[in-house]
Amino acid sequence: MTDTKTAGMQATQKPGAARSVWALDPAHSSLHFSGRQMMISTVRGHFSSFDARVEGNDEDPENATVQVTVDAASLNSGLEQRDQHLRSPDLLDVATFPTIEFLSTSIKKADEDQLTVEGNLTIKGVTRPIQAEATLRGLAVGMSGARKAAFSTEFTIDRGDWGMSFNVPLGGDAVLIGREITLQFELTVEESAADGAREEGSPSA
């Protein structure tokens, strides 16, 4: 993930394009993170609580919008002492800033199933524009009769850009925590409404 100039807050909808609302399918979605520790090992973890909402037409993804909200305190790296420090004011400060948020500002189709997504990422009260490459894994109809869409993306941010510069020197150039954090997002969403509402009796999420 790299910084980019902030685009408009929402893409313009083309006339006549029916917009649908797609809600998170939590059973088939995940958000993982990883970072370097002591310059030699990799710590991995995940966020167990997050939500996502996509609005748009699957035939015209460039006019879609994506919103993701993460419960910052739900992080789990497998070691409670470390997780408490990650949640502390030194780093995420979840007591003051309980959520991590992303709102797309631009989506461009790079290939048949490849999308370039730009948007604003807010962590610890700091909002910065970012860019990520996403892959559309496919569209299918679920057991409820509603359509599902699956996406995946992996990108890296510099935590210092969001005010998380805490570190401990270990001698020489070595430090306790690496600045780069990699995020891996597997997102499945289910169509829950078209043009703001489904007709009564039709499948929903």
Protein backbone atom coordinates (compact mmCIF):
# COMPACT_ATOMS: atom_id res chain seq x y z
CA MET A 1 0.00 0.00 0.00
CA THR A 2 1.31 3.42 -0.91
CA ASP A 3 0.12 6.93 -0.20
CA THR A 4 -1.76 8.70 -2.98
CA LYS A 5 -3.51 12.02 -3.43
CA THR A 6 -6.96 12.12 -1.90
CA ALA A 7 -9.69 11.70 -4.48
CA GLY A 8 -13.35 12.72 -4.15
CA MET A 9 -15.18 11.10 -1.28
CA GLN A 10 -17.43 9.07 -3.55
CA ALA A 11 -17.41 8.05 -7.20
CA THR A 12 -20.21 9.46 -9.36
CA GLN A 13 -22.92 6.98 -10.20
CA LYS A 14 -23.66 6.52 -13.89
CA PRO A 15 -27.26 7.36 -14.92
CA GLY A 16 -29.54 4.35 -14.88
CA ALA A 17 -27.10 2.09 -13.01
CA ALA A 18 -28.90 0.12 -10.29
CA ARG A 19 -26.92 0.25 -7.04
CA SER A 20 -27.04 -2.61 -4.58
CA VAL A 21 -26.01 -2.77 -0.94
CA TRP A 22 -23.69 -5.65 -0.08
CA ALA A 23 -23.22 -6.56 3.62
CA LEU A 24 -20.37 -8.43 5.27
CA ASP A 25 -20.46 -12.23 5.31
CA PRO A 26 -18.42 -12.69 8.51
CA ALA A 27 -18.25 -16.49 8.19
CA HIS A 28 -16.20 -16.15 5.00
CA SER A 29 -14.15 -13.02 5.74
CA SER A 30 -10.93 -12.43 7.67
CA LEU A 31 -8.52 -9.61 8.48
CA HIS A 32 -4.94 -10.57 9.40
CA PHE A 33 -1.86 -8.51 10.19
CA SER A 34 1.85 -9.23 10.50
CA GLY A 35 4.95 -7.30 11.49
CA ARG A 36 8.60 -7.82 12.31
CA GLN A 37 9.85 -8.19 15.89
CA MET A 38 13.49 -7.63 16.91
CA MET A 39 14.29 -7.41 13.18
CA ILE A 40 14.42 -11.21 12.87
CA SER A 41 11.02 -12.77 13.57
CA THR A 42 7.48 -12.20 12.28
CA VAL A 43 4.49 -11.76 14.57
CA ARG A 44 1.11 -12.57 13.04
CA GLY A 45 -2.38 -11.92 14.28
CA HIS A 46 -5.93 -11.05 13.30
CA PHE A 47 -8.88 -8.82 14.13
CA SER A 48 -11.88 -10.88 15.20
CA SER A 49 -14.48 -8.10 14.93
CA PHE A 50 -15.00 -5.89 11.87
CA ASP A 51 -17.75 -4.84 9.49
CA ALA A 52 -17.87 -3.93 5.81
CA ARG A 53 -20.39 -2.42 3.43
CA VAL A 54 -20.19 -2.17 -0.35
CA GLU A 55 -22.56 -0.10 -2.46
CA GLY A 56 -22.57 -0.38 -6.23
CA ASN A 57 -23.31 -2.35 -9.37
CA ASP A 58 -21.20 -5.45 -9.97
CA GLU A 59 -21.22 -4.68 -13.70
CA ASP A 60 -19.71 -1.27 -13.01
CA PRO A 61 -17.27 -1.68 -10.09
CA GLU A 62 -15.62 1.68 -10.75
CA ASN A 63 -18.72 3.38 -9.37
CA ALA A 64 -18.83 1.34 -6.17
CA THR A 65 -17.93 2.53 -2.67
CA VAL A 66 -16.42 0.44 0.12
CA GLN A 67 -16.55 1.12 3.84
CA VAL A 68 -14.78 -0.99 6.47
CA THR A 69 -14.88 -0.53 10.26
CA VAL A 70 -12.61 -2.57 12.54
CA ASP A 71 -12.91 -3.00 16.31
CA ALA A 72 -9.31 -2.19 17.20
CA ALA A 73 -9.51 -3.94 20.58
CA SER A 74 -10.40 -7.23 18.88
CA LEU A 75 -6.81 -7.81 17.75
CA ASN A 76 -5.29 -11.15 18.74
CA SER A 77 -1.65 -12.09 18.18
CA GLY A 78 -1.76 -15.16 20.40
CA LEU A 79 0.00 -13.58 23.38
CA GLU A 80 -2.14 -11.54 25.78
CA GLN A 81 0.76 -9.50 27.21
CA ARG A 82 1.76 -8.40 23.71
CA ASP A 83 -1.87 -7.70 22.75
CA GLN A 84 -2.30 -5.46 25.78
CA HIS A 85 0.71 -3.43 24.67
CA LEU A 86 -0.59 -3.21 21.09
CA ARG A 87 -3.89 -1.85 22.48
CA SER A 88 -2.13 0.63 24.79
CA PRO A 89 -1.50 4.37 24.16
CA ASP A 90 2.00 3.44 22.91
CA LEU A 91 0.42 2.00 19.78
CA LEU A 92 -3.29 1.73 18.84
CA ASP A 93 -4.66 3.38 22.02
CA VAL A 94 -7.98 1.57 21.65
CA ALA A 95 -9.50 3.20 24.73
CA THR A 96 -9.34 6.58 22.98
CA PHE A 97 -9.65 5.39 19.36
CA PRO A 98 -11.80 2.24 19.41
CA THR A 99 -12.14 1.81 15.65
CA ILE A 100 -9.99 1.61 12.54
CA GLU A 101 -11.87 2.86 9.49
CA PHE A 102 -11.48 2.80 5.72
CA LEU A 103 -13.63 4.63 3.16
CA SER A 104 -12.92 4.29 -0.55
CA THR A 105 -12.64 7.36 -2.74
CA SER A 106 -11.85 5.74 -6.09
CA ILE A 107 -12.00 2.25 -7.63
CA LYS A 108 -10.39 1.57 -11.00
CA LYS A 109 -10.54 -1.68 -12.97
CA ALA A 110 -6.94 -2.65 -13.71
CA ASP A 111 -7.77 -6.00 -15.33
CA GLU A 112 -10.68 -8.42 -15.66
CA ASP A 113 -10.51 -9.33 -11.98
CA GLN A 114 -8.04 -6.75 -10.66
CA LEU A 115 -9.06 -3.48 -8.99
CA THR A 116 -7.02 -0.50 -7.82
CA VAL A 117 -8.70 0.91 -4.73
CA GLU A 118 -7.90 4.32 -3.28
CA GLY A 119 -9.35 5.63 -0.06
CA ASN A 120 -8.87 7.16 3.38
CA LEU A 121 -7.57 4.99 6.20
CA THR A 122 -8.06 6.23 9.77
CA ILE A 123 -6.01 4.74 12.59
CA LYS A 124 -5.55 6.30 16.04
CA GLY A 125 -7.40 9.43 14.91
CA VAL A 126 -5.08 10.01 11.94
CA THR A 127 -6.56 9.87 8.43
CA ARG A 128 -4.28 9.31 5.45
CA PRO A 129 -4.97 8.45 1.81
CA ILE A 130 -3.83 5.01 0.66
CA GLN A 131 -3.90 2.79 -2.41
CA ALA A 132 -4.25 -1.00 -2.59
CA GLU A 133 -4.60 -3.63 -5.30
CA ALA A 134 -7.55 -5.99 -4.86
CA THR A 135 -8.57 -9.20 -6.62
CA LEU A 136 -12.19 -10.10 -7.35
CA ARG A 137 -12.35 -13.82 -6.54
CA GLY A 138 -15.78 -14.25 -8.09
CA LEU A 139 -19.55 -13.94 -7.82
CA ALA A 140 -21.93 -16.72 -6.72
CA VAL A 141 -25.44 -17.30 -5.39
CA GLY A 142 -25.56 -18.41 -1.75
CA MET A 143 -27.91 -20.85 0.00
CA SER A 144 -30.28 -17.98 0.84
CA GLY A 145 -30.64 -17.11 -2.85
CA ALA A 146 -28.74 -13.85 -2.42
CA ARG A 147 -25.66 -13.11 -4.49
CA LYS A 148 -22.19 -13.09 -2.90
CA ALA A 149 -18.95 -11.48 -4.04
CA ALA A 150 -15.47 -12.26 -2.73
CA PHE A 151 -12.36 -10.05 -2.80
CA SER A 152 -8.83 -10.30 -1.43
CA THR A 153 -6.06 -7.78 -0.90
CA GLU A 154 -2.67 -7.60 0.80
CA PHE A 155 -0.79 -4.36 1.43
CA THR A 156 1.76 -2.78 3.73
CA ILE A 157 1.65 0.45 5.71
CA ASP A 158 4.21 2.35 7.79
CA ARG A 159 2.68 2.51 11.28
CA GLY A 160 4.61 5.69 12.00
CA ASP A 161 2.48 7.50 9.42
CA TRP A 162 -0.48 6.97 11.75
CA GLY A 163 1.20 8.19 14.93
CA MET A 164 2.41 4.79 16.16
CA SER A 165 6.13 5.48 16.38
CA PHE A 166 6.85 3.74 19.71
CA ASN A 167 9.97 1.57 19.72
CA VAL A 168 12.76 0.21 21.90
CA PRO A 169 16.37 0.30 20.61
CA LEU A 170 18.16 -3.03 20.87
CA GLY A 171 21.64 -1.96 19.88
CA GLY A 172 23.04 -0.95 16.53
CA ASP A 173 20.24 -0.52 14.00
CA ALA A 174 18.03 -3.11 15.69
CA VAL A 175 14.69 -2.13 17.27
CA LEU A 176 11.96 -4.07 19.03
CA ILE A 177 9.12 -3.48 16.54
CA GLY A 178 9.34 -3.05 12.79
CA ARG A 179 7.64 0.00 11.26
CA GLU A 180 6.02 -1.88 8.38
CA ILE A 181 2.74 -3.68 9.04
CA THR A 182 1.24 -5.97 6.40
CA LEU A 183 -2.53 -6.40 6.27
CA GLN A 184 -4.28 -9.31 4.55
CA PHE A 185 -8.01 -8.92 3.94
CA GLU A 186 -10.30 -11.67 2.64
CA LEU A 187 -13.71 -10.07 2.16
CA THR A 188 -16.97 -11.78 1.20
CA VAL A 189 -20.11 -9.66 0.97
CA GLU A 190 -23.73 -10.62 0.34
CA GLU A 191 -26.21 -8.53 -1.60
CA SER A 192 -28.87 -7.37 0.84
CA ALA A 193 -30.73 -4.64 -1.09
CA ALA A 194 -31.04 -3.13 -4.55
CA ASP A 195 -31.61 0.61 -4.99
CA GLY A 196 -31.93 0.96 -1.23
CA ALA A 197 -34.44 -1.83 -0.61
CA ARG A 198 -35.43 -5.25 -1.87
CA GLU A 199 -38.98 -6.09 -2.83
CA GLU A 200 -40.88 -7.69 0.01
CA GLY A 201 -40.40 -11.44 0.13
CA SER A 202 -37.10 -11.50 -1.76
CA PRO A 203 -33.96 -13.04 -0.17
CA SER A 204 -31.88 -10.90 2.17
CA ALA A 205 -28.64 -11.29 4.09
